[in-house]
Amino acid sequence: MYTIPEIDINSLDNNQVTVVVAVVMGLGALYCFFGYKVLKFIIGLTGFIIAGSVAGLMMHWLTDGHFISSGIGALIGGIAGAFALFFLYRTGIFSLGLLGATLVAHNTLADRPESWIPLAILGLGVVGGLCALVIEQPVMKLATATLGAWLIVTGAAYFIAGSPEITDLSQAFTLHEHRKIILGAWAVTSLAGALAQWATGGKGGKSKPTAEEDD
C-alpha cells in the first residue's frame, strides 16, 4: 500500500527546517490548485517522491546510515520512479487515486481500534485507484487537491506547533488536541483546491492520453 513518506526534520537546524517546510508547502500548492492542469508532471513527481523515498530508506539501511550513499540511492530510485509513472500513464492515474483515497481513509479511520481498519483503509485506497481509471478527470482533481492540501496543512501545522511536538510532518495529524481543527483545515483546503481546478478547466496539452500512454 502506498503511503506519504515521512519527512524527518528532527536532525535539521532552524534554517534548513524552514526551507524544507516551505518547499513542501509549495509542492502542496502545486498539487492542490494546479494538479490536473499539469497532471503528467504531477504523476512523474509522485513517482519520484515514492520511489526515491523507498530507495533512500533501503540504502540508508544497507549502508548503516551513510548519507551520500542514501542520497545517491534516493536520486536513482526517484528518477526511475518518475520515468516509470510518467510513461505508464494509466499506472500513474491509478497510483494518484490510490494515494488520495488511502490518505483520506487513513486520517479518518486510523484511530479506531477495530482489527479490520487496516484492510478497510487498503480497500478504500484500491477503490480510489479504480475510480480514477474509470472517471479520470473528477477523481484526479479531487485526489491532487487532497494530496496537496495535506502537504499545505502539515507544513502550516509545523510552523504553528513547531518542534518538539512535530519531528516529522506526518505527525501534524496526530496532535490529538488540535486534530479536529487540522482535519477541518485539510477538508476546506482540499475543497478550495478542487474548486480552483474545476474553475480553470482541463489539463494542459492533450485532454486524453495517447495509445502509448495507455499501455
N, C-alpha and C. Protein backbone atom coordinates (compact mmCIF):
# COMPACT_ATOMS: atom_id res chain seq x y z
N MET A 1 0.84 -1.19 0.00
CA MET A 1 0.00 0.00 0.00
C MET A 1 0.88 1.24 0.00
N TYR A 2 0.59 2.19 -0.87
CA TYR A 2 1.34 3.41 -0.92
C TYR A 2 1.02 4.28 0.29
N THR A 3 2.04 4.97 0.82
CA THR A 3 1.84 5.95 1.88
C THR A 3 2.64 7.19 1.56
N ILE A 4 2.21 8.31 2.13
CA ILE A 4 3.01 9.51 2.00
C ILE A 4 4.25 9.35 2.85
N PRO A 5 5.46 9.50 2.28
CA PRO A 5 6.66 9.29 3.06
C PRO A 5 6.81 10.31 4.18
N GLU A 6 7.35 9.85 5.33
CA GLU A 6 7.63 10.77 6.42
C GLU A 6 8.77 11.69 6.03
N ILE A 7 8.67 12.96 6.44
CA ILE A 7 9.73 13.92 6.17
C ILE A 7 10.37 14.27 7.49
N ASP A 8 11.50 13.61 7.79
CA ASP A 8 12.15 13.76 9.09
C ASP A 8 12.83 15.12 9.16
N ILE A 9 12.43 15.92 10.15
CA ILE A 9 13.01 17.26 10.30
C ILE A 9 13.71 17.40 11.64
N ASN A 10 13.84 16.29 12.36
CA ASN A 10 14.37 16.35 13.71
C ASN A 10 15.87 16.69 13.73
N SER A 11 16.60 16.31 12.67
CA SER A 11 18.05 16.49 12.66
C SER A 11 18.49 17.76 11.93
N LEU A 12 17.55 18.59 11.49
CA LEU A 12 17.88 19.79 10.73
C LEU A 12 17.92 21.01 11.64
N ASP A 13 18.71 22.02 11.25
CA ASP A 13 18.69 23.26 12.01
C ASP A 13 17.49 24.10 11.59
N ASN A 14 17.27 25.22 12.27
CA ASN A 14 16.06 26.01 12.05
C ASN A 14 15.95 26.52 10.62
N ASN A 15 17.05 26.98 10.04
CA ASN A 15 17.00 27.48 8.68
C ASN A 15 16.69 26.37 7.68
N GLN A 16 17.29 25.21 7.88
CA GLN A 16 17.03 24.09 6.99
C GLN A 16 15.57 23.63 7.10
N VAL A 17 15.06 23.61 8.33
CA VAL A 17 13.66 23.23 8.53
C VAL A 17 12.73 24.19 7.79
N THR A 18 13.02 25.48 7.90
CA THR A 18 12.18 26.48 7.22
C THR A 18 12.16 26.26 5.73
N VAL A 19 13.33 25.98 5.14
CA VAL A 19 13.41 25.74 3.70
C VAL A 19 12.64 24.48 3.32
N VAL A 20 12.85 23.39 4.07
CA VAL A 20 12.19 22.12 3.76
C VAL A 20 10.68 22.27 3.83
N VAL A 21 10.18 22.88 4.91
CA VAL A 21 8.74 23.01 5.08
C VAL A 21 8.15 23.94 4.02
N ALA A 22 8.89 25.02 3.67
CA ALA A 22 8.40 25.92 2.62
C ALA A 22 8.32 25.20 1.27
N VAL A 23 9.31 24.36 0.97
CA VAL A 23 9.28 23.59 -0.28
C VAL A 23 8.10 22.62 -0.28
N VAL A 24 7.89 21.96 0.86
CA VAL A 24 6.76 21.03 0.98
C VAL A 24 5.44 21.75 0.73
N MET A 25 5.28 22.93 1.33
CA MET A 25 4.04 23.68 1.15
C MET A 25 3.90 24.18 -0.29
N GLY A 26 5.03 24.54 -0.92
CA GLY A 26 4.98 24.96 -2.32
C GLY A 26 4.55 23.83 -3.23
N LEU A 27 5.11 22.62 -2.99
CA LEU A 27 4.67 21.46 -3.76
C LEU A 27 3.19 21.17 -3.50
N GLY A 28 2.78 21.36 -2.25
CA GLY A 28 1.37 21.15 -1.92
C GLY A 28 0.47 22.08 -2.69
N ALA A 29 0.88 23.35 -2.81
CA ALA A 29 0.07 24.30 -3.57
C ALA A 29 -0.02 23.91 -5.04
N LEU A 30 1.08 23.38 -5.60
CA LEU A 30 1.07 22.93 -6.99
C LEU A 30 0.09 21.77 -7.17
N TYR A 31 0.18 20.79 -6.29
CA TYR A 31 -0.75 19.66 -6.34
C TYR A 31 -2.19 20.14 -6.17
N CYS A 32 -2.41 20.96 -5.14
CA CYS A 32 -3.76 21.30 -4.71
C CYS A 32 -4.51 22.15 -5.74
N PHE A 33 -3.85 23.17 -6.27
CA PHE A 33 -4.55 24.14 -7.10
C PHE A 33 -4.30 23.98 -8.60
N PHE A 34 -3.26 23.22 -8.99
CA PHE A 34 -2.94 23.07 -10.41
C PHE A 34 -2.74 21.62 -10.82
N GLY A 35 -3.13 20.67 -9.95
CA GLY A 35 -2.79 19.27 -10.16
C GLY A 35 -3.19 18.72 -11.51
N TYR A 36 -4.44 18.92 -11.90
CA TYR A 36 -4.89 18.34 -13.17
C TYR A 36 -4.37 19.14 -14.36
N LYS A 37 -4.07 20.40 -14.15
CA LYS A 37 -3.55 21.23 -15.23
C LYS A 37 -2.16 20.76 -15.66
N VAL A 38 -1.39 20.25 -14.72
CA VAL A 38 -0.03 19.76 -15.01
C VAL A 38 0.06 18.29 -14.59
N LEU A 39 -0.93 17.51 -15.00
CA LEU A 39 -1.10 16.16 -14.47
C LEU A 39 0.10 15.26 -14.75
N LYS A 40 0.64 15.29 -15.97
CA LYS A 40 1.75 14.40 -16.28
C LYS A 40 2.97 14.74 -15.44
N PHE A 41 3.20 16.02 -15.19
CA PHE A 41 4.30 16.41 -14.30
C PHE A 41 4.05 15.91 -12.89
N ILE A 42 2.81 16.04 -12.42
CA ILE A 42 2.45 15.58 -11.09
C ILE A 42 2.64 14.07 -10.96
N ILE A 43 2.26 13.33 -12.00
CA ILE A 43 2.45 11.88 -11.99
C ILE A 43 3.93 11.54 -11.87
N GLY A 44 4.76 12.19 -12.69
CA GLY A 44 6.20 11.95 -12.62
C GLY A 44 6.78 12.33 -11.27
N LEU A 45 6.36 13.47 -10.73
CA LEU A 45 6.85 13.93 -9.43
C LEU A 45 6.45 12.95 -8.33
N THR A 46 5.22 12.43 -8.40
CA THR A 46 4.77 11.46 -7.42
C THR A 46 5.62 10.20 -7.47
N GLY A 47 5.91 9.72 -8.69
CA GLY A 47 6.78 8.56 -8.84
C GLY A 47 8.17 8.82 -8.27
N PHE A 48 8.68 10.03 -8.48
CA PHE A 48 10.00 10.39 -7.96
C PHE A 48 10.00 10.36 -6.44
N ILE A 49 8.96 10.94 -5.83
CA ILE A 49 8.90 11.02 -4.36
C ILE A 49 8.77 9.62 -3.75
N ILE A 50 7.86 8.81 -4.30
CA ILE A 50 7.62 7.49 -3.72
C ILE A 50 8.84 6.60 -3.89
N ALA A 51 9.31 6.45 -5.14
CA ALA A 51 10.44 5.55 -5.39
C ALA A 51 11.72 6.07 -4.75
N GLY A 52 11.92 7.39 -4.78
CA GLY A 52 13.11 7.96 -4.16
C GLY A 52 13.13 7.73 -2.66
N SER A 53 11.99 7.87 -2.02
CA SER A 53 11.92 7.64 -0.57
C SER A 53 12.23 6.19 -0.23
N VAL A 54 11.63 5.27 -0.99
CA VAL A 54 11.86 3.85 -0.73
C VAL A 54 13.33 3.49 -0.97
N ALA A 55 13.88 3.95 -2.09
CA ALA A 55 15.28 3.62 -2.41
C ALA A 55 16.23 4.25 -1.39
N GLY A 56 15.95 5.48 -0.99
CA GLY A 56 16.79 6.14 0.00
C GLY A 56 16.78 5.41 1.34
N LEU A 57 15.59 4.97 1.77
CA LEU A 57 15.49 4.23 3.03
C LEU A 57 16.21 2.89 2.95
N MET A 58 16.11 2.23 1.80
CA MET A 58 16.81 0.96 1.63
C MET A 58 18.32 1.14 1.69
N MET A 59 18.82 2.16 1.00
CA MET A 59 20.26 2.41 1.03
C MET A 59 20.71 2.85 2.43
N HIS A 60 19.87 3.60 3.12
CA HIS A 60 20.18 4.00 4.49
C HIS A 60 20.36 2.77 5.38
N TRP A 61 19.49 1.77 5.18
CA TRP A 61 19.56 0.54 5.96
C TRP A 61 20.75 -0.30 5.54
N LEU A 62 21.00 -0.42 4.24
CA LEU A 62 22.08 -1.28 3.75
C LEU A 62 23.46 -0.71 4.08
N THR A 63 23.59 0.61 4.15
CA THR A 63 24.90 1.23 4.38
C THR A 63 25.04 1.77 5.80
N ASP A 64 24.14 1.37 6.69
CA ASP A 64 24.19 1.83 8.08
C ASP A 64 24.16 3.35 8.20
N GLY A 65 23.32 3.95 7.38
CA GLY A 65 23.09 5.39 7.51
C GLY A 65 24.07 6.27 6.77
N HIS A 66 24.84 5.74 5.82
CA HIS A 66 25.80 6.56 5.06
C HIS A 66 25.03 7.58 4.22
N PHE A 67 25.28 8.85 4.48
CA PHE A 67 24.46 9.92 3.91
C PHE A 67 24.56 9.99 2.39
N ILE A 68 25.79 9.97 1.86
CA ILE A 68 25.97 10.12 0.41
C ILE A 68 25.36 8.94 -0.33
N SER A 69 25.60 7.73 0.16
CA SER A 69 25.03 6.53 -0.48
C SER A 69 23.50 6.59 -0.46
N SER A 70 22.93 7.02 0.67
CA SER A 70 21.48 7.12 0.76
C SER A 70 20.94 8.15 -0.21
N GLY A 71 21.66 9.27 -0.34
CA GLY A 71 21.24 10.31 -1.27
C GLY A 71 21.30 9.86 -2.72
N ILE A 72 22.39 9.16 -3.07
CA ILE A 72 22.51 8.66 -4.44
C ILE A 72 21.43 7.62 -4.72
N GLY A 73 21.18 6.74 -3.77
CA GLY A 73 20.13 5.74 -3.93
C GLY A 73 18.76 6.39 -4.11
N ALA A 74 18.49 7.42 -3.31
CA ALA A 74 17.21 8.12 -3.42
C ALA A 74 17.07 8.80 -4.78
N LEU A 75 18.16 9.40 -5.27
CA LEU A 75 18.12 10.08 -6.56
C LEU A 75 17.88 9.10 -7.70
N ILE A 76 18.63 7.98 -7.70
CA ILE A 76 18.46 6.98 -8.76
C ILE A 76 17.06 6.38 -8.71
N GLY A 77 16.62 6.01 -7.51
CA GLY A 77 15.28 5.45 -7.36
C GLY A 77 14.20 6.44 -7.76
N GLY A 78 14.40 7.70 -7.39
CA GLY A 78 13.41 8.72 -7.74
C GLY A 78 13.30 8.92 -9.24
N ILE A 79 14.44 8.97 -9.93
CA ILE A 79 14.41 9.14 -11.38
C ILE A 79 13.73 7.95 -12.05
N ALA A 80 14.05 6.73 -11.57
CA ALA A 80 13.42 5.54 -12.13
C ALA A 80 11.91 5.57 -11.90
N GLY A 81 11.50 5.96 -10.69
CA GLY A 81 10.07 6.03 -10.38
C GLY A 81 9.36 7.08 -11.20
N ALA A 82 10.02 8.22 -11.40
CA ALA A 82 9.41 9.29 -12.19
C ALA A 82 9.19 8.85 -13.63
N PHE A 83 10.20 8.22 -14.23
CA PHE A 83 10.05 7.76 -15.61
C PHE A 83 9.01 6.65 -15.71
N ALA A 84 8.97 5.77 -14.69
CA ALA A 84 8.03 4.65 -14.72
C ALA A 84 6.59 5.16 -14.75
N LEU A 85 6.24 6.07 -13.84
CA LEU A 85 4.86 6.55 -13.79
C LEU A 85 4.56 7.53 -14.93
N PHE A 86 5.57 8.29 -15.36
CA PHE A 86 5.35 9.26 -16.43
C PHE A 86 4.97 8.56 -17.73
N PHE A 87 5.66 7.47 -18.06
CA PHE A 87 5.39 6.77 -19.31
C PHE A 87 4.30 5.72 -19.20
N LEU A 88 4.05 5.22 -17.99
CA LEU A 88 2.93 4.30 -17.77
C LEU A 88 1.77 5.13 -17.22
N TYR A 89 1.12 5.84 -18.12
CA TYR A 89 0.15 6.87 -17.74
C TYR A 89 -0.96 6.31 -16.86
N ARG A 90 -1.55 5.18 -17.26
CA ARG A 90 -2.67 4.64 -16.51
C ARG A 90 -2.24 4.15 -15.13
N THR A 91 -1.01 3.65 -15.02
CA THR A 91 -0.49 3.27 -13.71
C THR A 91 -0.35 4.49 -12.82
N GLY A 92 0.09 5.60 -13.41
CA GLY A 92 0.19 6.84 -12.65
C GLY A 92 -1.16 7.34 -12.18
N ILE A 93 -2.17 7.25 -13.04
CA ILE A 93 -3.52 7.66 -12.66
C ILE A 93 -4.03 6.80 -11.50
N PHE A 94 -3.83 5.49 -11.62
CA PHE A 94 -4.26 4.58 -10.54
C PHE A 94 -3.53 4.92 -9.24
N SER A 95 -2.23 5.19 -9.33
CA SER A 95 -1.43 5.47 -8.14
C SER A 95 -1.90 6.73 -7.43
N LEU A 96 -2.20 7.78 -8.19
CA LEU A 96 -2.68 9.02 -7.57
C LEU A 96 -4.04 8.81 -6.91
N GLY A 97 -4.93 8.10 -7.59
CA GLY A 97 -6.23 7.80 -6.99
C GLY A 97 -6.08 6.98 -5.73
N LEU A 98 -5.19 5.99 -5.78
CA LEU A 98 -4.92 5.15 -4.62
C LEU A 98 -4.36 5.98 -3.46
N LEU A 99 -3.39 6.84 -3.75
CA LEU A 99 -2.78 7.67 -2.73
C LEU A 99 -3.81 8.59 -2.05
N GLY A 100 -4.59 9.28 -2.88
CA GLY A 100 -5.57 10.20 -2.33
C GLY A 100 -6.59 9.51 -1.44
N ALA A 101 -7.14 8.40 -1.92
CA ALA A 101 -8.14 7.68 -1.15
C ALA A 101 -7.55 7.06 0.12
N THR A 102 -6.34 6.52 0.01
CA THR A 102 -5.69 5.93 1.17
C THR A 102 -5.40 6.98 2.24
N LEU A 103 -4.97 8.16 1.80
CA LEU A 103 -4.66 9.23 2.75
C LEU A 103 -5.91 9.67 3.51
N VAL A 104 -7.02 9.82 2.79
CA VAL A 104 -8.26 10.20 3.45
C VAL A 104 -8.71 9.11 4.42
N ALA A 105 -8.69 7.86 3.97
CA ALA A 105 -9.12 6.75 4.81
C ALA A 105 -8.24 6.62 6.05
N HIS A 106 -6.93 6.76 5.86
CA HIS A 106 -6.00 6.61 6.97
C HIS A 106 -6.23 7.68 8.04
N ASN A 107 -6.38 8.92 7.62
CA ASN A 107 -6.50 10.00 8.59
C ASN A 107 -7.87 10.07 9.25
N THR A 108 -8.86 9.41 8.67
CA THR A 108 -10.19 9.40 9.28
C THR A 108 -10.46 8.12 10.08
N LEU A 109 -9.75 7.03 9.77
CA LEU A 109 -10.04 5.75 10.41
C LEU A 109 -8.92 5.22 11.29
N ALA A 110 -7.72 5.78 11.18
CA ALA A 110 -6.55 5.17 11.83
C ALA A 110 -6.68 5.09 13.35
N ASP A 111 -7.41 5.99 13.98
CA ASP A 111 -7.54 5.98 15.45
C ASP A 111 -8.54 4.94 15.96
N ARG A 112 -9.29 4.34 15.07
CA ARG A 112 -10.30 3.36 15.50
C ARG A 112 -9.62 2.05 15.91
N PRO A 113 -10.15 1.35 16.92
CA PRO A 113 -9.47 0.17 17.45
C PRO A 113 -9.78 -1.14 16.72
N GLU A 114 -10.78 -1.14 15.85
CA GLU A 114 -11.20 -2.40 15.21
C GLU A 114 -10.08 -3.02 14.38
N SER A 115 -10.02 -4.34 14.40
CA SER A 115 -8.94 -5.05 13.71
C SER A 115 -9.05 -4.97 12.19
N TRP A 116 -10.25 -4.64 11.67
CA TRP A 116 -10.44 -4.61 10.23
C TRP A 116 -10.08 -3.27 9.61
N ILE A 117 -9.68 -2.30 10.42
CA ILE A 117 -9.40 -0.95 9.91
C ILE A 117 -8.29 -0.95 8.85
N PRO A 118 -7.15 -1.63 9.06
CA PRO A 118 -6.12 -1.62 8.00
C PRO A 118 -6.62 -2.16 6.67
N LEU A 119 -7.43 -3.21 6.71
CA LEU A 119 -7.99 -3.75 5.47
C LEU A 119 -8.96 -2.76 4.84
N ALA A 120 -9.73 -2.07 5.66
CA ALA A 120 -10.66 -1.07 5.14
C ALA A 120 -9.91 0.06 4.46
N ILE A 121 -8.80 0.51 5.09
CA ILE A 121 -8.00 1.58 4.50
C ILE A 121 -7.43 1.14 3.16
N LEU A 122 -6.88 -0.08 3.12
CA LEU A 122 -6.33 -0.61 1.88
C LEU A 122 -7.42 -0.75 0.82
N GLY A 123 -8.58 -1.28 1.23
CA GLY A 123 -9.67 -1.46 0.28
C GLY A 123 -10.17 -0.15 -0.30
N LEU A 124 -10.32 0.86 0.56
CA LEU A 124 -10.76 2.16 0.08
C LEU A 124 -9.73 2.79 -0.86
N GLY A 125 -8.45 2.54 -0.57
CA GLY A 125 -7.40 3.05 -1.46
C GLY A 125 -7.50 2.43 -2.84
N VAL A 126 -7.70 1.11 -2.89
CA VAL A 126 -7.83 0.42 -4.18
C VAL A 126 -9.06 0.92 -4.93
N VAL A 127 -10.17 1.12 -4.20
CA VAL A 127 -11.38 1.66 -4.84
C VAL A 127 -11.10 3.03 -5.44
N GLY A 128 -10.35 3.86 -4.70
CA GLY A 128 -9.99 5.17 -5.23
C GLY A 128 -9.18 5.08 -6.50
N GLY A 129 -8.23 4.14 -6.54
CA GLY A 129 -7.43 3.96 -7.74
C GLY A 129 -8.26 3.49 -8.92
N LEU A 130 -9.18 2.56 -8.68
CA LEU A 130 -10.04 2.07 -9.76
C LEU A 130 -10.99 3.15 -10.25
N CYS A 131 -11.52 3.95 -9.33
CA CYS A 131 -12.39 5.06 -9.74
C CYS A 131 -11.64 6.06 -10.61
N ALA A 132 -10.36 6.27 -10.30
CA ALA A 132 -9.55 7.19 -11.10
C ALA A 132 -9.41 6.69 -12.53
N LEU A 133 -9.32 5.38 -12.72
CA LEU A 133 -9.21 4.83 -14.07
C LEU A 133 -10.51 4.99 -14.85
N VAL A 134 -11.64 4.93 -14.15
CA VAL A 134 -12.95 4.98 -14.82
C VAL A 134 -13.39 6.41 -15.08
N ILE A 135 -13.25 7.27 -14.08
CA ILE A 135 -13.67 8.68 -14.22
C ILE A 135 -12.47 9.57 -13.88
N GLU A 136 -11.54 9.63 -14.81
CA GLU A 136 -10.24 10.24 -14.56
C GLU A 136 -10.32 11.69 -14.07
N GLN A 137 -10.96 12.56 -14.84
CA GLN A 137 -10.86 13.98 -14.56
C GLN A 137 -11.36 14.39 -13.16
N PRO A 138 -12.59 14.05 -12.77
CA PRO A 138 -13.03 14.48 -11.44
C PRO A 138 -12.24 13.85 -10.31
N VAL A 139 -11.87 12.57 -10.45
CA VAL A 139 -11.12 11.91 -9.39
C VAL A 139 -9.71 12.49 -9.28
N MET A 140 -9.08 12.80 -10.42
CA MET A 140 -7.75 13.38 -10.38
C MET A 140 -7.76 14.76 -9.74
N LYS A 141 -8.77 15.54 -10.02
CA LYS A 141 -8.86 16.86 -9.40
C LYS A 141 -9.04 16.75 -7.90
N LEU A 142 -9.89 15.81 -7.48
CA LEU A 142 -10.10 15.60 -6.05
C LEU A 142 -8.85 15.02 -5.38
N ALA A 143 -8.23 14.05 -6.04
CA ALA A 143 -7.06 13.39 -5.45
C ALA A 143 -5.89 14.34 -5.32
N THR A 144 -5.58 15.09 -6.38
CA THR A 144 -4.45 16.01 -6.30
C THR A 144 -4.73 17.15 -5.32
N ALA A 145 -5.99 17.62 -5.27
CA ALA A 145 -6.34 18.66 -4.29
C ALA A 145 -6.18 18.14 -2.87
N THR A 146 -6.59 16.89 -2.64
CA THR A 146 -6.47 16.30 -1.31
C THR A 146 -5.02 16.11 -0.90
N LEU A 147 -4.21 15.57 -1.81
CA LEU A 147 -2.79 15.36 -1.52
C LEU A 147 -2.08 16.69 -1.27
N GLY A 148 -2.36 17.68 -2.13
CA GLY A 148 -1.73 18.97 -1.97
C GLY A 148 -2.15 19.66 -0.69
N ALA A 149 -3.43 19.58 -0.36
CA ALA A 149 -3.92 20.21 0.87
C ALA A 149 -3.27 19.56 2.09
N TRP A 150 -3.04 18.24 2.03
CA TRP A 150 -2.36 17.56 3.14
C TRP A 150 -0.96 18.14 3.36
N LEU A 151 -0.23 18.37 2.28
CA LEU A 151 1.11 18.94 2.41
C LEU A 151 1.06 20.38 2.93
N ILE A 152 0.09 21.15 2.45
CA ILE A 152 -0.03 22.53 2.91
C ILE A 152 -0.36 22.59 4.39
N VAL A 153 -1.32 21.79 4.81
CA VAL A 153 -1.77 21.83 6.21
C VAL A 153 -0.71 21.28 7.15
N THR A 154 -0.01 20.20 6.75
CA THR A 154 1.04 19.69 7.62
C THR A 154 2.18 20.69 7.77
N GLY A 155 2.52 21.38 6.68
CA GLY A 155 3.54 22.41 6.76
C GLY A 155 3.11 23.56 7.65
N ALA A 156 1.88 24.01 7.49
CA ALA A 156 1.37 25.11 8.32
C ALA A 156 1.32 24.69 9.79
N ALA A 157 0.92 23.43 10.05
CA ALA A 157 0.85 22.95 11.43
C ALA A 157 2.24 22.95 12.06
N TYR A 158 3.27 22.61 11.27
CA TYR A 158 4.61 22.65 11.84
C TYR A 158 5.01 24.07 12.20
N PHE A 159 4.74 25.03 11.32
CA PHE A 159 5.12 26.40 11.62
C PHE A 159 4.38 26.92 12.85
N ILE A 160 3.16 26.43 13.07
CA ILE A 160 2.38 26.88 14.23
C ILE A 160 2.79 26.14 15.50
N ALA A 161 2.86 24.79 15.42
CA ALA A 161 3.17 23.99 16.61
C ALA A 161 4.67 23.86 16.85
N GLY A 162 5.39 23.60 15.75
CA GLY A 162 6.84 23.52 15.82
C GLY A 162 7.36 22.31 16.58
N SER A 163 8.67 22.22 16.69
CA SER A 163 9.33 21.17 17.46
C SER A 163 9.24 21.55 18.94
N PRO A 164 9.16 20.60 19.88
CA PRO A 164 9.34 19.15 19.72
C PRO A 164 8.05 18.39 19.46
N GLU A 165 6.92 19.08 19.34
CA GLU A 165 5.66 18.36 19.14
C GLU A 165 5.64 17.61 17.81
N ILE A 166 6.33 18.14 16.82
CA ILE A 166 6.36 17.52 15.50
C ILE A 166 7.82 17.28 15.11
N THR A 167 8.19 16.03 14.89
CA THR A 167 9.54 15.71 14.42
C THR A 167 9.55 15.24 12.98
N ASP A 168 8.41 14.82 12.45
CA ASP A 168 8.25 14.66 11.01
C ASP A 168 6.86 15.16 10.65
N LEU A 169 6.70 15.64 9.43
CA LEU A 169 5.50 16.38 9.10
C LEU A 169 4.23 15.55 9.19
N SER A 170 4.34 14.23 9.03
CA SER A 170 3.14 13.40 9.12
C SER A 170 2.54 13.40 10.52
N GLN A 171 3.30 13.83 11.52
CA GLN A 171 2.79 13.85 12.88
C GLN A 171 1.78 14.96 13.11
N ALA A 172 1.66 15.90 12.18
CA ALA A 172 0.72 17.00 12.37
C ALA A 172 -0.69 16.49 12.62
N PHE A 173 -1.06 15.39 11.94
CA PHE A 173 -2.41 14.86 12.08
C PHE A 173 -2.58 13.97 13.32
N THR A 174 -1.50 13.81 14.11
CA THR A 174 -1.60 13.03 15.34
C THR A 174 -1.64 13.92 16.57
N LEU A 175 -1.69 15.24 16.38
CA LEU A 175 -1.82 16.16 17.52
C LEU A 175 -3.28 16.14 17.98
N HIS A 176 -3.57 15.27 18.93
CA HIS A 176 -4.96 15.00 19.30
C HIS A 176 -5.70 16.24 19.77
N GLU A 177 -5.00 17.13 20.44
CA GLU A 177 -5.66 18.33 20.96
C GLU A 177 -6.21 19.21 19.84
N HIS A 178 -5.54 19.20 18.70
CA HIS A 178 -5.93 20.06 17.58
C HIS A 178 -6.37 19.25 16.37
N ARG A 179 -6.62 17.96 16.55
CA ARG A 179 -6.89 17.07 15.41
C ARG A 179 -8.10 17.53 14.60
N LYS A 180 -9.20 17.89 15.27
CA LYS A 180 -10.40 18.30 14.56
C LYS A 180 -10.15 19.58 13.75
N ILE A 181 -9.39 20.49 14.32
CA ILE A 181 -9.08 21.73 13.61
C ILE A 181 -8.24 21.43 12.37
N ILE A 182 -7.24 20.54 12.53
CA ILE A 182 -6.37 20.20 11.41
C ILE A 182 -7.15 19.48 10.32
N LEU A 183 -8.00 18.53 10.71
CA LEU A 183 -8.83 17.83 9.73
C LEU A 183 -9.77 18.80 9.02
N GLY A 184 -10.34 19.74 9.76
CA GLY A 184 -11.22 20.74 9.15
C GLY A 184 -10.47 21.62 8.16
N ALA A 185 -9.26 22.04 8.54
CA ALA A 185 -8.45 22.87 7.64
C ALA A 185 -8.09 22.09 6.38
N TRP A 186 -7.80 20.80 6.55
CA TRP A 186 -7.48 19.94 5.40
C TRP A 186 -8.68 19.83 4.47
N ALA A 187 -9.87 19.61 5.04
CA ALA A 187 -11.07 19.48 4.21
C ALA A 187 -11.36 20.77 3.45
N VAL A 188 -11.26 21.91 4.14
CA VAL A 188 -11.55 23.19 3.50
C VAL A 188 -10.53 23.48 2.39
N THR A 189 -9.25 23.23 2.67
CA THR A 189 -8.21 23.48 1.67
C THR A 189 -8.37 22.55 0.47
N SER A 190 -8.73 21.29 0.74
CA SER A 190 -8.97 20.33 -0.36
C SER A 190 -10.12 20.80 -1.24
N LEU A 191 -11.20 21.25 -0.62
CA LEU A 191 -12.35 21.74 -1.38
C LEU A 191 -11.98 22.96 -2.20
N ALA A 192 -11.22 23.88 -1.60
CA ALA A 192 -10.80 25.08 -2.32
C ALA A 192 -9.93 24.72 -3.52
N GLY A 193 -9.02 23.75 -3.33
CA GLY A 193 -8.17 23.33 -4.43
C GLY A 193 -8.95 22.67 -5.55
N ALA A 194 -9.90 21.81 -5.18
CA ALA A 194 -10.71 21.14 -6.20
C ALA A 194 -11.55 22.15 -6.98
N LEU A 195 -12.15 23.10 -6.29
CA LEU A 195 -12.95 24.13 -6.96
C LEU A 195 -12.09 24.99 -7.88
N ALA A 196 -10.88 25.31 -7.43
CA ALA A 196 -9.97 26.09 -8.26
C ALA A 196 -9.61 25.32 -9.52
N GLN A 197 -9.39 24.02 -9.40
CA GLN A 197 -9.06 23.22 -10.57
C GLN A 197 -10.24 23.12 -11.53
N TRP A 198 -11.45 22.98 -11.00
CA TRP A 198 -12.62 22.95 -11.88
C TRP A 198 -12.82 24.28 -12.58
N ALA A 199 -12.48 25.37 -11.90
CA ALA A 199 -12.66 26.69 -12.48
C ALA A 199 -11.69 26.95 -13.62
N THR A 200 -10.53 26.29 -13.59
CA THR A 200 -9.52 26.52 -14.62
C THR A 200 -9.59 25.52 -15.75
N GLY A 201 -10.57 24.61 -15.73
CA GLY A 201 -10.76 23.68 -16.85
C GLY A 201 -9.89 22.46 -16.78
N GLY A 202 -9.65 21.85 -17.97
CA GLY A 202 -8.94 20.58 -18.07
C GLY A 202 -7.45 20.76 -17.93
N LYS A 203 -6.71 19.66 -18.16
CA LYS A 203 -5.26 19.71 -18.01
C LYS A 203 -4.63 20.32 -19.24
N GLY A 204 -3.41 20.82 -19.07
CA GLY A 204 -2.70 21.41 -20.18
C GLY A 204 -2.34 20.39 -21.23
N GLY A 205 -2.24 20.81 -22.46
CA GLY A 205 -1.91 19.89 -23.55
C GLY A 205 -3.09 19.04 -23.92
N LYS A 206 -2.83 17.78 -24.25
CA LYS A 206 -3.88 16.87 -24.68
C LYS A 206 -4.78 16.53 -23.51
N SER A 207 -6.08 16.49 -23.75
CA SER A 207 -7.00 16.16 -22.67
C SER A 207 -7.16 14.67 -22.49
N LYS A 208 -6.72 13.86 -23.46
CA LYS A 208 -6.81 12.42 -23.35
C LYS A 208 -5.45 11.80 -23.66
N PRO A 209 -5.12 10.68 -22.98
CA PRO A 209 -3.85 10.03 -23.23
C PRO A 209 -3.83 9.38 -24.59
N THR A 210 -2.62 9.25 -25.13
CA THR A 210 -2.46 8.55 -26.39
C THR A 210 -2.48 7.06 -26.14
N ALA A 211 -2.48 6.28 -27.23
CA ALA A 211 -2.48 4.83 -27.09
C ALA A 211 -1.22 4.36 -26.36
N GLU A 212 -0.08 5.04 -26.62
CA GLU A 212 1.17 4.65 -25.97
C GLU A 212 1.08 4.88 -24.47
N GLU A 213 0.41 5.98 -24.04
CA GLU A 213 0.30 6.29 -22.63
C GLU A 213 -0.59 5.30 -21.91
N ASP A 214 -1.55 4.70 -22.66
CA ASP A 214 -2.47 3.75 -22.04
C ASP A 214 -1.81 2.43 -21.71
N ASP A 215 -0.65 2.16 -22.35
CA ASP A 215 0.00 0.85 -22.13
C ASP A 215 0.51 0.75 -20.72
